Protein backbone atom coordinates (compact mmCIF):
# COMPACT_ATOMS: atom_id res chain seq x y z
CA MET A 1 47.53 40.42 -25.27
CA ASN A 2 49.62 37.63 -26.61
CA THR A 3 49.73 34.62 -24.27
CA THR A 4 53.42 34.48 -24.20
CA LEU A 5 53.65 38.17 -23.24
CA LYS A 6 51.06 37.78 -20.61
CA THR A 7 52.89 34.83 -19.09
CA GLY A 8 56.09 36.94 -19.02
CA LEU A 9 54.24 39.67 -17.14
CA GLN A 10 52.91 37.18 -14.70
CA LYS A 11 56.29 35.76 -13.92
CA SER A 12 57.92 39.21 -13.73
CA ILE A 13 59.31 40.85 -10.60
CA SER A 14 59.96 44.43 -9.52
CA TYR A 15 63.42 46.05 -10.05
CA ASN A 16 64.15 46.01 -6.32
CA SER A 17 63.30 42.30 -6.13
CA TYR A 18 65.55 41.76 -9.12
CA ARG A 19 68.44 43.61 -7.35
CA ASP A 20 67.86 41.48 -4.25
CA VAL A 21 68.10 38.36 -6.42
CA VAL A 22 71.38 39.44 -8.02
CA ASP A 23 72.89 40.39 -4.64
CA THR A 24 71.87 37.05 -3.13
CA LEU A 25 73.36 35.15 -6.19
CA ALA A 26 76.57 37.07 -5.98
CA ALA A 27 77.01 36.43 -2.35
CA ASN A 28 76.46 32.71 -2.88
CA ASN A 29 78.78 32.32 -5.98
CA ASP A 30 75.72 31.65 -8.25
CA THR A 31 74.13 33.17 -11.30
CA THR A 32 70.90 33.22 -13.22
CA GLY A 33 70.58 31.09 -16.31
CA GLU A 34 71.50 27.55 -17.16
CA ASP A 35 75.19 28.20 -17.48
CA LYS A 36 76.61 28.13 -14.05
CA SER A 37 80.24 28.56 -15.14
CA GLU A 38 82.84 30.43 -13.05
CA ALA A 39 82.85 33.11 -15.74
CA ARG A 40 79.11 33.69 -15.45
CA VAL A 41 79.32 33.68 -11.68
CA ASN A 42 82.00 36.31 -11.76
CA TYR A 43 80.04 38.52 -14.20
CA THR A 44 77.04 38.32 -11.80
CA LYS A 45 79.28 39.52 -8.97
CA LEU A 46 80.56 42.28 -11.20
CA SER A 47 77.02 43.21 -12.20
CA ALA A 48 76.00 43.39 -8.51
CA ARG A 49 78.76 45.88 -7.76
CA ARG A 50 77.99 47.95 -10.90
CA MET A 51 74.27 48.17 -10.22
CA LYS A 52 74.84 49.04 -6.58
CA ARG A 53 77.11 51.91 -7.76
CA TRP A 54 74.66 53.18 -10.41
CA ASP A 55 71.68 52.97 -8.10
CA LYS A 56 73.62 55.39 -5.74
CA THR A 57 75.21 57.74 -8.26
CA LEU A 58 73.23 57.83 -11.52
CA LYS A 59 71.42 61.23 -11.80
CA ILE A 60 68.71 62.60 -14.22
CA ASP A 61 69.08 66.22 -14.87
CA GLU A 62 66.26 68.50 -13.97
CA LYS A 63 65.32 69.18 -17.67
CA HIS A 64 64.63 65.54 -18.44
CA LYS A 65 63.20 64.85 -14.94
CA THR A 66 60.58 67.56 -15.51
CA LEU A 67 59.95 66.34 -19.04
CA LEU A 68 59.52 62.71 -17.93
CA ALA A 69 57.29 63.64 -15.23
CA ASP A 70 54.79 64.94 -17.81
CA PHE A 71 54.37 61.60 -19.60
CA GLU A 72 50.66 60.68 -19.26
CA VAL A 73 50.32 57.32 -20.85
CA PRO A 74 50.15 54.47 -18.27
CA VAL A 75 52.68 51.84 -19.48
CA THR A 76 54.49 48.74 -18.21
CA TRP A 77 58.11 48.31 -19.03
CA LEU A 78 58.90 44.59 -19.08
CA VAL A 79 62.62 44.05 -19.30
CA ILE A 80 64.22 40.82 -20.32
CA THR A 81 67.60 40.32 -18.76
CA GLU A 82 70.01 37.89 -16.84
CA SER A 83 72.27 38.65 -13.89
CA TRP A 84 75.48 38.12 -15.77
CA CYS A 85 74.83 40.44 -18.65
CA GLY A 86 77.44 43.31 -18.77
CA ASP A 87 75.29 45.79 -20.65
CA ALA A 88 72.28 45.10 -18.34
CA ALA A 89 74.42 46.08 -15.25
CA HIS A 90 74.61 49.60 -16.74
CA VAL A 91 71.25 49.84 -18.48
CA MET A 92 68.89 48.44 -15.75
CA PRO A 93 69.71 51.07 -13.15
CA ALA A 94 69.17 53.81 -15.63
CA LEU A 95 65.77 52.44 -16.73
CA ASN A 96 64.75 52.26 -13.10
CA LYS A 97 65.81 55.81 -12.40
CA ILE A 98 63.68 56.98 -15.39
CA ALA A 99 60.73 54.88 -14.30
CA GLU A 100 60.92 56.40 -10.84
CA THR A 101 60.33 59.94 -12.23
CA ASN A 102 56.70 58.95 -13.24
CA PRO A 103 54.00 56.96 -11.59
CA ASN A 104 52.60 56.06 -15.01
CA ILE A 105 55.73 53.89 -15.69
CA THR A 106 55.83 50.51 -13.98
CA LEU A 107 59.13 48.64 -14.41
CA LYS A 108 59.10 44.79 -14.32
CA VAL A 109 61.88 42.27 -14.81
CA VAL A 110 61.91 38.75 -16.31
CA LEU A 111 64.71 36.36 -16.94
CA ARG A 112 65.58 35.44 -20.52
CA ASP A 113 66.57 31.77 -20.14
CA GLU A 114 63.37 31.05 -18.25
CA ASN A 115 61.27 32.67 -20.94
CA GLU A 116 62.65 31.57 -24.33
CA ALA A 117 59.35 31.92 -26.13
CA LEU A 118 59.11 35.57 -25.07
CA MET A 119 62.72 36.32 -25.91
CA ASP A 120 62.06 34.80 -29.45
CA MET A 121 59.40 37.42 -29.91
CA PHE A 122 61.82 40.29 -29.42
CA LEU A 123 65.09 39.42 -31.07
CA THR A 124 67.72 41.88 -32.18
CA ASN A 125 68.90 41.13 -35.75
CA GLY A 126 68.06 37.49 -35.06
CA SER A 127 69.97 37.46 -31.73
CA LYS A 128 68.62 36.96 -28.18
CA SER A 129 70.43 40.15 -27.08
CA ILE A 130 69.72 41.62 -23.64
CA PRO A 131 68.63 43.66 -21.86
CA LYS A 132 65.43 44.21 -23.95
CA LEU A 133 62.72 46.61 -22.86
CA ILE A 134 59.18 45.95 -24.00
CA MET A 135 56.97 48.94 -23.63
CA ILE A 136 53.30 47.91 -23.04
CA ASP A 137 50.30 50.16 -23.15
CA ASN A 138 48.27 49.33 -20.01
CA SER A 139 44.91 50.18 -21.49
CA THR A 140 45.17 48.54 -24.89
CA GLU A 141 47.71 45.85 -23.86
CA GLU A 142 49.56 46.54 -26.97
CA VAL A 143 53.36 46.69 -27.44
CA LEU A 144 54.19 50.24 -28.15
CA ALA A 145 57.85 49.95 -28.69
CA THR A 146 61.11 48.09 -27.68
CA TYR A 147 64.48 49.36 -26.61
CA GLY A 148 67.83 47.78 -26.19
CA PRO A 149 70.08 45.91 -25.67
CA ARG A 150 72.27 48.99 -25.65
CA PRO A 151 71.83 52.74 -25.75
CA SER A 152 72.11 54.38 -29.21
CA GLU A 153 75.68 55.69 -28.92
CA ALA A 154 76.97 52.31 -27.66
CA THR A 155 75.17 50.52 -30.48
CA ASN A 156 76.88 52.73 -33.00
CA PHE A 157 80.15 52.17 -31.19
CA VAL A 158 79.67 48.41 -31.39
CA ASN A 159 78.45 48.32 -34.99
CA ARG A 160 81.42 50.36 -36.27
CA PHE A 161 83.85 48.05 -34.53
CA LYS A 162 82.13 44.91 -35.91
CA ALA A 163 82.03 46.37 -39.42
CA GLU A 164 85.85 46.96 -39.27
CA ASN A 165 86.97 43.96 -37.24
CA GLY A 166 84.31 41.28 -37.59
CA ALA A 167 83.84 40.52 -33.90
CA LEU A 168 84.07 42.10 -30.51
CA THR A 169 87.44 41.69 -28.86
CA PRO A 170 88.14 41.61 -24.94
CA GLU A 171 89.93 44.91 -25.47
CA PHE A 172 86.89 46.50 -27.13
CA LYS A 173 84.54 45.15 -24.47
CA GLU A 174 86.71 46.88 -21.90
CA ASP A 175 86.54 50.13 -23.90
CA LEU A 176 82.77 49.77 -23.98
CA GLN A 177 82.66 49.56 -20.22
CA HIS A 178 84.64 52.76 -20.04
CA TRP A 179 82.12 54.38 -22.35
CA TYR A 180 79.32 53.37 -19.98
CA ASN A 181 81.21 54.84 -17.09
CA SER A 182 81.87 58.12 -18.82
CA ASP A 183 78.31 58.40 -20.16
CA LYS A 184 76.71 57.90 -16.78
CA GLY A 185 73.39 56.69 -18.14
CA GLN A 186 72.68 60.01 -20.03
CA THR A 187 72.31 58.60 -23.46
CA ILE A 188 69.75 56.18 -22.13
CA VAL A 189 67.74 59.08 -20.54
CA LYS A 190 67.90 60.88 -23.92
CA ASP A 191 66.96 57.81 -25.90
CA ILE A 192 63.93 56.86 -23.74
CA THR A 193 62.69 60.52 -23.70
CA GLN A 194 62.72 60.58 -27.49
CA LEU A 195 61.02 57.22 -27.64
CA LEU A 196 58.18 58.37 -25.38
CA CYS A 197 57.67 61.43 -27.62
CA LYS A 198 56.18 59.03 -30.25
CA PHE A 199 53.19 58.22 -27.99
CA GLN A 200 52.48 61.54 -26.57
CA PRO A 201 53.61 64.39 -29.02
CA SER A 202 52.69 67.19 -26.58
CA PHE A 203 55.24 65.60 -24.19
CA CYS A 204 58.09 66.85 -26.25
CA GLN A 205 56.78 70.32 -27.36
């Protein structure tokens, strides 16, 4: 395993520990990362509320729950994120719900700004976009796949807007939040299920 990746794993924490960190930061008007601006602090507070809501309300339907439970390849999901990230507030709880369906999936969390070398290994179109999931085979220690920063439909939504307008506007970002609220994590569940099929074909038959 690459030394940088191994270091990231050693520094990682569980999802529950990450949630505790975010809640504590929000309560103390603080945030992860080097930028301690009021905006980042407010985003962290918003993220804490969103994750709390999704932790309670996000559901995986029985079809996908049964399917996910049959995945037999022991993997570690290392997710690079930060407390202030708007997309992460919606994506992280969904990934955790999926991981909870199968003991072969271990979800770990690491902060981007404290692990620049790791982030640089998993850029998205040259950008340090988060959250970024790195799927690692526990037996071979190889990286099987990556996922993120956004679910497939949201990515298409963003790409179309950028193609037409050049950059994301505050109004669009609000529309994107509405999309997440309407989707309720279901696109992430479908995306991840399809991703896992590549490593265990019988899993999707």
